[in-house]
Amino acid sequence: MAIAYNAWQHYQATGDLEWLAERGGELIIEVTRLFASLAEYDSSADRFHITGVMGPDEFHDGPPDAPGSGLRDNSYTNVLAAWVAARAGEVLILLAGHRGESLRDRLRVTVEEIAHWAHFGSRLAVGFHRDGILTQFDGYEGLQELDWDRYRQRYGDIGRLDLILESEDDSTNRYKLAKQPDVIMLVYLLGRDGLRKQLAALGYPFPEADLMRTIDYYLARTSNGSTLSRVVQASVLAGVDPSRSWTEFREALIADLDDSQGGTTREGIHLGAMAGTVDLPVRSFAGMALGDDELVFTPQLPPNLTRARFQIRYRSHLIDVTLSRRSLGLHTHPGSAAPIRVRVNANAATLTGGQTRQFATRPAAPPRPASTSKEGALDQ
């Protein structure tokens, strides 16, 4: 489903309707079809359930008594399936006219199928713990807690808890733990507001306080057995705990420089994690997101960083972005591309080629002292 997510992001970045009609729309629709075909409908509750899947957390592939059989109602899977189903409907609206008719004919999309996507996408089941924590999958709350302190004292690096527990004739399927973010991946992709909005669309109110407790809950139960884990956590923490976000960011940066996973770098660098560290200042510190036909920034520089500067391409505009603690500057290079909408926090503007705009940002909190890093700048 992340591929369908990326396809939608590509359309939002480029505004390329031809690409959406010829390639991206087909991908989004077929992913929707796949997960709609996997879903089982419970008419008594008017809810769809998806079974036999594994989420981003590779430490759980089934219930403790049925390893390898897959999970039921993994929240990452169900929430993203609902999000993708909504995008499939949007694709056909955006392509209304000859492009849309061509796509529908080619894929044999019927009116009944579109209605089914809407029903499926609005009634997928998602579970919560008794205290309001968003559960990772059906049955997760009943798993055992791991004695994290004991395992850290005994083994030191516990990133690969699966191998450690196997050596003890035990299994990760029995415990509340994760190799890498699973539920938190929803915050990474959709943002805090986006996740709450998607859950509300499914009929699940999710207060901000419960979301924050959910983030803390899973951060404390993640072993970081993947280099990508640090990237996701740094991004999610950027708007929650900037100092901790910076620490996670630095851990991600040194993954291959220090070979932090103990010998994996000699077999090949972690290119995905490297790309994530480049993306992180843009996505998280500058808070850049691709909205519906607008470019959005919610800046949140960590206390250890005084400024950031990078260049992006959006809707055929080449844009220089300069961020300091108190302002964000946008400069569009001269060109004939259509005007674009931008929003920095609550301030909206329209930019054409060759324009420069400065936006005030929220006053930054005084930098907290850090013993392992110095304030500096980041240019890309």
Protein backbone atom coordinates (compact mmCIF):
# COMPACT_ATOMS: atom_id res chain seq x y z
CA MET A 1 0.00 0.00 0.00
CA ALA A 2 2.92 2.32 0.52
CA ILE A 3 3.45 2.10 -3.26
CA ALA A 4 -0.07 3.41 -3.84
CA TYR A 5 0.65 6.12 -1.27
CA ASN A 6 3.79 7.09 -3.22
CA ALA A 7 1.82 7.17 -6.47
CA TRP A 8 -0.60 9.67 -4.96
CA GLN A 9 2.30 11.73 -3.60
CA HIS A 10 3.85 11.77 -7.08
CA TYR A 11 0.62 13.14 -8.54
CA GLN A 12 0.37 15.81 -5.84
CA ALA A 13 3.99 16.86 -6.45
CA THR A 14 3.67 17.03 -10.22
CA GLY A 15 -0.03 17.64 -10.94
CA ASP A 16 0.48 15.31 -13.92
CA LEU A 17 -3.00 14.12 -14.89
CA GLU A 18 -1.68 12.22 -17.91
CA TRP A 19 0.60 10.16 -15.65
CA LEU A 20 -2.28 9.61 -13.24
CA ALA A 21 -4.50 8.39 -16.10
CA GLU A 22 -1.90 6.15 -17.70
CA ARG A 23 0.00 4.77 -14.70
CA GLY A 24 -0.65 6.10 -11.20
CA GLY A 25 -4.42 5.73 -11.22
CA GLU A 26 -4.21 2.10 -12.31
CA LEU A 27 -1.78 1.32 -9.52
CA ILE A 28 -3.99 2.95 -6.86
CA ILE A 29 -7.12 1.19 -8.15
CA GLU A 30 -5.50 -2.23 -8.34
CA VAL A 31 -4.10 -1.95 -4.80
CA THR A 32 -7.60 -1.01 -3.62
CA ARG A 33 -9.00 -4.03 -5.44
CA LEU A 34 -6.43 -6.33 -3.85
CA PHE A 35 -7.24 -5.36 -0.26
CA ALA A 36 -10.97 -5.15 -0.90
CA SER A 37 -10.77 -8.75 -2.17
CA LEU A 38 -8.95 -9.84 1.00
CA ALA A 39 -11.53 -8.31 3.33
CA GLU A 40 -14.24 -10.30 5.06
CA TYR A 41 -17.52 -8.50 5.77
CA ASP A 42 -19.34 -8.82 9.11
CA SER A 43 -22.88 -7.65 8.34
CA SER A 44 -23.93 -7.63 12.00
CA ALA A 45 -21.35 -4.97 12.83
CA ASP A 46 -21.14 -3.48 9.33
CA ARG A 47 -17.36 -3.84 9.48
CA PHE A 48 -14.72 -5.28 7.16
CA HIS A 49 -11.84 -7.35 8.55
CA ILE A 50 -8.55 -8.23 6.86
CA THR A 51 -6.76 -11.39 7.99
CA GLY A 52 -3.55 -13.22 7.10
CA VAL A 53 -1.30 -10.16 6.79
CA MET A 54 1.92 -8.91 8.37
CA GLY A 55 2.50 -5.22 9.06
CA PRO A 56 5.81 -3.33 8.91
CA ASP A 57 6.82 -5.00 12.19
CA GLU A 58 8.47 -8.23 11.02
CA PHE A 59 8.55 -9.67 14.56
CA HIS A 60 4.87 -10.69 14.41
CA ASP A 61 3.72 -13.05 11.66
CA GLY A 62 0.79 -14.63 13.49
CA PRO A 63 -0.75 -15.32 16.91
CA PRO A 64 1.48 -17.09 19.46
CA ASP A 65 -0.35 -20.38 18.84
CA ALA A 66 -0.33 -20.05 15.03
CA PRO A 67 2.99 -18.53 13.89
CA GLY A 68 3.21 -17.80 10.20
CA SER A 69 -0.57 -17.66 9.71
CA GLY A 70 -0.69 -13.86 9.55
CA LEU A 71 -2.46 -11.26 11.65
CA ARG A 72 -6.05 -10.04 11.81
CA ASP A 73 -6.86 -6.34 11.52
CA ASN A 74 -3.35 -4.92 11.58
CA SER A 75 -4.01 -1.22 12.11
CA TYR A 76 -1.37 -0.06 9.63
CA THR A 77 -2.90 -2.29 6.94
CA ASN A 78 -6.52 -1.40 7.59
CA VAL A 79 -6.07 2.34 8.00
CA LEU A 80 -3.93 2.64 4.87
CA ALA A 81 -6.33 0.40 2.93
CA ALA A 82 -9.12 2.83 3.82
CA TRP A 83 -6.94 5.78 2.80
CA VAL A 84 -6.03 4.18 -0.55
CA ALA A 85 -9.67 3.29 -1.25
CA ALA A 86 -10.59 6.96 -0.81
CA ARG A 87 -7.82 7.95 -3.23
CA ALA A 88 -9.15 5.46 -5.82
CA GLY A 89 -12.45 7.31 -5.76
CA GLU A 90 -10.64 10.65 -6.03
CA VAL A 91 -8.66 9.46 -9.04
CA LEU A 92 -11.84 8.90 -11.03
CA ILE A 93 -13.22 12.29 -9.99
CA LEU A 94 -10.00 14.06 -10.98
CA LEU A 95 -9.98 12.28 -14.32
CA ALA A 96 -13.66 12.91 -15.07
CA GLY A 97 -14.12 13.09 -18.83
CA HIS A 98 -12.23 11.25 -21.53
CA ARG A 99 -9.25 10.35 -19.33
CA GLY A 100 -11.47 8.85 -16.66
CA GLU A 101 -13.62 6.96 -19.14
CA SER A 102 -10.54 5.50 -20.78
CA LEU A 103 -9.16 4.35 -17.41
CA ARG A 104 -12.48 2.86 -16.32
CA ASP A 105 -12.90 1.02 -19.61
CA ARG A 106 -9.36 -0.32 -19.55
CA LEU A 107 -9.70 -1.63 -16.00
CA ARG A 108 -13.39 -2.55 -16.37
CA VAL A 109 -14.41 -0.51 -13.35
CA THR A 110 -18.14 -0.58 -12.69
CA VAL A 111 -20.42 1.76 -10.75
CA GLU A 112 -21.07 -1.08 -8.31
CA GLU A 113 -17.37 -1.55 -7.70
CA ILE A 114 -16.86 2.15 -6.98
CA ALA A 115 -19.69 1.99 -4.45
CA HIS A 116 -18.06 -1.06 -2.86
CA TRP A 117 -14.76 0.80 -2.49
CA ALA A 118 -16.58 3.61 -0.69
CA HIS A 119 -18.30 1.17 1.68
CA PHE A 120 -15.14 -0.86 2.27
CA GLY A 121 -13.02 2.24 2.83
CA SER A 122 -15.40 3.70 5.40
CA ARG A 123 -16.05 0.54 7.47
CA LEU A 124 -12.72 -1.20 7.99
CA ALA A 125 -12.25 -2.44 11.55
CA VAL A 126 -9.59 -0.90 13.76
CA GLY A 127 -8.91 -1.95 17.36
CA PHE A 128 -8.07 -0.02 20.52
CA HIS A 129 -6.83 -1.06 23.93
CA ARG A 130 -9.08 -0.50 26.90
CA ASP A 131 -7.18 2.71 27.73
CA GLY A 132 -7.55 4.17 24.22
CA ILE A 133 -4.17 3.13 22.73
CA LEU A 134 -4.46 2.28 19.03
CA THR A 135 -3.65 -1.43 18.87
CA GLN A 136 -1.12 -2.90 16.46
CA PHE A 137 -3.38 -5.82 15.56
CA ASP A 138 -6.26 -7.87 16.94
CA GLY A 139 -4.96 -9.70 20.01
CA TYR A 140 -1.93 -7.49 20.63
CA GLU A 141 -3.22 -6.22 23.98
CA GLY A 142 -3.27 -9.77 25.34
CA LEU A 143 0.41 -10.44 24.59
CA GLN A 144 3.02 -10.54 27.33
CA GLU A 145 5.26 -7.63 28.26
CA LEU A 146 8.96 -8.19 27.65
CA ASP A 147 11.45 -7.61 30.46
CA TRP A 148 13.38 -5.01 28.45
CA ASP A 149 15.87 -4.18 31.20
CA ARG A 150 16.83 -7.82 31.68
CA TYR A 151 17.42 -8.39 27.97
CA ARG A 152 19.44 -5.19 27.59
CA GLN A 153 21.60 -6.07 30.57
CA ARG A 154 22.18 -9.59 29.29
CA TYR A 155 22.68 -8.94 25.56
CA GLY A 156 23.44 -5.23 25.15
CA ASP A 157 22.26 -4.73 21.56
CA ILE A 158 18.77 -6.23 21.35
CA GLY A 159 17.83 -4.98 17.88
CA ARG A 160 17.41 -8.55 16.66
CA LEU A 161 15.15 -9.80 19.42
CA ASP A 162 13.83 -12.45 17.04
CA LEU A 163 17.22 -14.20 16.98
CA ILE A 164 17.75 -13.70 20.70
CA LEU A 165 14.39 -15.21 21.62
CA GLU A 166 14.82 -18.08 19.15
CA SER A 167 18.10 -18.94 20.89
CA GLU A 168 16.06 -19.25 24.10
CA ASP A 169 13.44 -21.43 22.39
CA ASP A 170 11.01 -18.52 22.55
CA SER A 171 9.25 -16.33 19.97
CA THR A 172 8.61 -12.63 19.39
CA ASN A 173 4.98 -13.50 18.57
CA ARG A 174 4.37 -13.86 22.31
CA TYR A 175 5.36 -10.31 23.29
CA LYS A 176 4.42 -6.66 22.97
CA LEU A 177 7.41 -5.54 20.94
CA ALA A 178 8.39 -4.52 17.43
CA LYS A 179 11.47 -4.66 15.24
CA GLN A 180 10.62 -1.28 13.72
CA PRO A 181 7.67 1.14 13.80
CA ASP A 182 4.31 -0.33 12.77
CA VAL A 183 1.44 1.73 14.19
CA ILE A 184 3.79 4.74 14.29
CA MET A 185 4.32 4.35 10.53
CA LEU A 186 0.79 5.72 10.13
CA VAL A 187 1.90 8.96 11.81
CA TYR A 188 5.00 9.06 9.61
CA LEU A 189 2.95 8.76 6.41
CA LEU A 190 -0.29 10.57 7.25
CA GLY A 191 0.84 12.95 9.99
CA ARG A 192 -0.86 13.31 13.35
CA ASP A 193 -3.81 15.26 11.97
CA GLY A 194 -4.07 13.02 8.92
CA LEU A 195 -4.21 9.85 11.02
CA ARG A 196 -6.87 11.28 13.31
CA LYS A 197 -8.88 12.41 10.28
CA GLN A 198 -8.66 8.97 8.68
CA LEU A 199 -9.74 7.22 11.89
CA ALA A 200 -12.64 9.66 12.24
CA ALA A 201 -13.71 8.79 8.70
CA LEU A 202 -13.80 5.15 9.81
CA GLY A 203 -16.02 6.07 12.75
CA TYR A 204 -13.30 6.06 15.42
CA PRO A 205 -12.79 9.34 17.30
CA PHE A 206 -9.15 9.50 18.38
CA PRO A 207 -8.30 12.39 20.72
CA GLU A 208 -4.88 14.00 20.43
CA ALA A 209 -4.07 12.85 23.97
CA ASP A 210 -4.67 9.21 22.98
CA LEU A 211 -2.52 9.66 19.89
CA MET A 212 0.35 11.03 21.96
CA ARG A 213 0.07 8.15 24.42
CA THR A 214 0.02 5.73 21.48
CA ILE A 215 3.28 7.17 20.15
CA ASP A 216 4.95 6.89 23.56
CA TYR A 217 3.61 3.36 24.05
CA TYR A 218 5.13 1.96 20.86
CA LEU A 219 8.38 3.92 21.05
CA ALA A 220 8.99 2.16 24.37
CA ARG A 221 8.35 -1.26 22.78
CA THR A 222 10.46 -0.98 19.63
CA SER A 223 13.87 -2.69 19.50
CA ASN A 224 15.09 -0.68 16.47
CA GLY A 225 16.30 -3.76 14.66
CA SER A 226 16.20 -1.86 11.36
CA THR A 227 18.11 1.26 10.34
CA LEU A 228 14.85 2.66 8.95
CA SER A 229 13.41 2.63 12.46
CA ARG A 230 15.44 5.65 13.53
CA VAL A 231 14.33 7.65 10.48
CA VAL A 232 10.65 7.08 11.20
CA GLN A 233 11.00 7.80 14.91
CA ALA A 234 12.99 10.98 14.31
CA SER A 235 10.31 12.20 11.92
CA VAL A 236 7.40 11.46 14.24
CA LEU A 237 9.20 12.97 17.24
CA ALA A 238 10.04 16.21 15.39
CA GLY A 239 6.73 17.78 16.39
CA VAL A 240 6.54 16.03 19.77
CA ASP A 241 10.02 15.98 21.34
CA PRO A 242 12.50 17.93 19.15
CA SER A 243 15.55 17.06 21.27
CA ARG A 244 14.85 13.34 21.08
CA SER A 245 14.11 13.70 17.37
CA TRP A 246 17.59 15.15 16.86
CA THR A 247 19.15 12.22 18.75
CA GLU A 248 17.29 9.71 16.58
CA PHE A 249 18.28 11.65 13.45
CA ARG A 250 21.95 11.46 14.41
CA GLU A 251 21.64 7.72 15.07
CA ALA A 252 20.20 7.27 11.58
CA LEU A 253 23.02 9.34 10.05
CA ILE A 254 25.78 7.20 11.56
CA ALA A 255 24.22 3.80 10.80
CA ASP A 256 26.83 2.97 8.16
CA LEU A 257 29.61 5.27 9.35
CA ASP A 258 29.70 3.37 12.65
CA ASP A 259 28.28 0.11 11.27
CA SER A 260 25.84 0.29 14.17
CA GLN A 261 24.23 -3.05 13.31
CA GLY A 262 27.47 -4.90 13.84
CA GLY A 263 28.75 -6.06 10.47
CA THR A 264 25.92 -5.44 8.00
CA THR A 265 27.54 -2.43 6.30
CA ARG A 266 30.27 -4.57 4.72
CA GLU A 267 27.50 -6.38 2.82
CA GLY A 268 26.04 -3.14 1.46
CA ILE A 269 25.07 0.30 2.69
CA HIS A 270 21.56 0.99 3.97
CA LEU A 271 20.46 3.14 1.04
CA GLY A 272 16.85 3.42 2.20
CA ALA A 273 17.93 4.79 5.57
CA MET A 274 20.33 7.19 3.84
CA ALA A 275 17.52 8.49 1.64
CA GLY A 276 15.35 8.81 4.72
CA THR A 277 17.91 11.02 6.46
CA VAL A 278 17.93 13.34 3.42
CA ASP A 279 14.14 13.43 3.38
CA LEU A 280 13.81 13.99 7.12
CA PRO A 281 14.89 17.67 7.31
CA VAL A 282 12.44 18.41 4.49
CA ARG A 283 9.50 16.35 5.75
CA SER A 284 9.98 16.87 9.48
CA PHE A 285 12.17 19.86 10.36
CA ALA A 286 10.66 22.07 7.63
CA GLY A 287 7.40 20.15 7.99
CA MET A 288 6.80 20.00 4.23
CA ALA A 289 3.74 18.06 3.07
CA LEU A 290 1.90 17.73 -0.21
CA GLY A 291 -1.68 18.82 0.40
CA ASP A 292 -4.55 18.78 -2.05
CA ASP A 293 -3.16 21.11 -4.72
CA GLU A 294 -1.07 23.06 -2.22
CA LEU A 295 2.41 22.91 -0.76
CA VAL A 296 2.29 22.97 3.04
CA PHE A 297 4.98 23.78 5.62
CA THR A 298 4.75 23.45 9.40
CA PRO A 299 8.35 24.24 10.46
CA GLN A 300 9.72 22.72 13.66
CA LEU A 301 13.49 23.00 13.80
CA PRO A 302 15.07 20.97 16.59
CA PRO A 303 16.94 23.02 19.21
CA ASN A 304 20.32 21.79 17.89
CA LEU A 305 19.77 23.20 14.39
CA THR A 306 19.82 26.94 13.62
CA ARG A 307 18.83 26.78 9.97
CA ALA A 308 18.20 24.48 7.02
CA ARG A 309 18.30 25.11 3.30
CA PHE A 310 17.23 22.88 0.41
CA GLN A 311 15.75 22.94 -3.07
CA ILE A 312 12.63 21.15 -4.29
CA ARG A 313 10.67 20.80 -7.50
CA TYR A 314 6.90 21.16 -7.21
CA ARG A 315 4.35 21.44 -10.04
CA SER A 316 7.14 22.34 -12.52
CA HIS A 317 8.52 25.07 -10.23
CA LEU A 318 12.08 24.93 -8.88
CA ILE A 319 11.89 26.32 -5.34
CA ASP A 320 14.62 27.33 -2.90
CA VAL A 321 13.57 26.86 0.73
CA THR A 322 15.44 28.59 3.56
CA LEU A 323 14.40 27.94 7.14
CA SER A 324 15.60 29.66 10.31
CA ARG A 325 14.19 29.66 13.81
CA ARG A 326 11.82 32.54 13.08
CA SER A 327 11.15 32.53 9.35
CA LEU A 328 10.76 30.37 6.28
CA GLY A 329 11.69 31.79 2.89
CA LEU A 330 10.50 30.52 -0.49
CA HIS A 331 12.03 31.60 -3.79
CA THR A 332 10.60 30.28 -7.05
CA HIS A 333 12.97 30.31 -10.00
CA PRO A 334 11.74 32.19 -13.08
CA GLY A 335 9.56 30.10 -15.38
CA SER A 336 6.19 29.78 -17.09
CA ALA A 337 4.62 27.14 -14.83
CA ALA A 338 1.15 27.86 -13.46
CA PRO A 339 0.88 29.65 -10.10
CA ILE A 340 1.00 27.42 -7.01
CA ARG A 341 -0.63 27.66 -3.61
CA VAL A 342 1.58 27.47 -0.53
CA ARG A 343 0.73 27.51 3.15
CA VAL A 344 3.10 28.05 6.05
CA ASN A 345 1.25 27.23 9.25
CA ALA A 346 -1.94 29.31 8.89
CA ASN A 347 -0.51 31.75 6.33
CA ALA A 348 -1.49 31.06 2.71
CA ALA A 349 -0.15 32.64 -0.48
CA THR A 350 0.00 32.14 -4.24
CA LEU A 351 3.41 32.12 -5.92
CA THR A 352 4.41 32.47 -9.55
CA GLY A 353 7.83 32.05 -11.14
CA GLY A 354 10.54 34.46 -9.96
CA GLN A 355 8.90 35.39 -6.65
CA THR A 356 10.34 35.43 -3.14
CA ARG A 357 8.24 35.32 0.03
CA GLN A 358 9.13 35.27 3.70
CA PHE A 359 6.83 33.75 6.29
CA ALA A 360 7.11 34.17 10.03
CA THR A 361 7.19 30.89 11.93
CA ARG A 362 6.33 30.09 15.51
CA PRO A 363 8.89 31.43 18.01
CA ALA A 364 11.39 28.70 18.70
CA ALA A 365 12.02 27.45 22.22
CA PRO A 366 15.54 28.12 23.54
CA PRO A 367 17.90 25.30 22.54
CA ARG A 368 18.34 22.69 25.24
CA PRO A 369 21.96 21.83 26.09
CA ALA A 370 23.23 18.66 24.43
CA SER A 371 26.48 16.94 25.30
CA THR A 372 26.88 15.05 22.02
CA SER A 373 26.08 17.68 19.39
CA LYS A 374 26.58 21.31 18.47
CA GLU A 375 24.22 23.78 16.94
CA GLY A 376 24.73 24.16 13.25
CA ALA A 377 23.26 24.44 9.80
CA LEU A 378 22.14 21.90 7.27
CA ASP A 379 22.31 22.63 3.55
CA GLN A 380 21.09 20.25 0.85
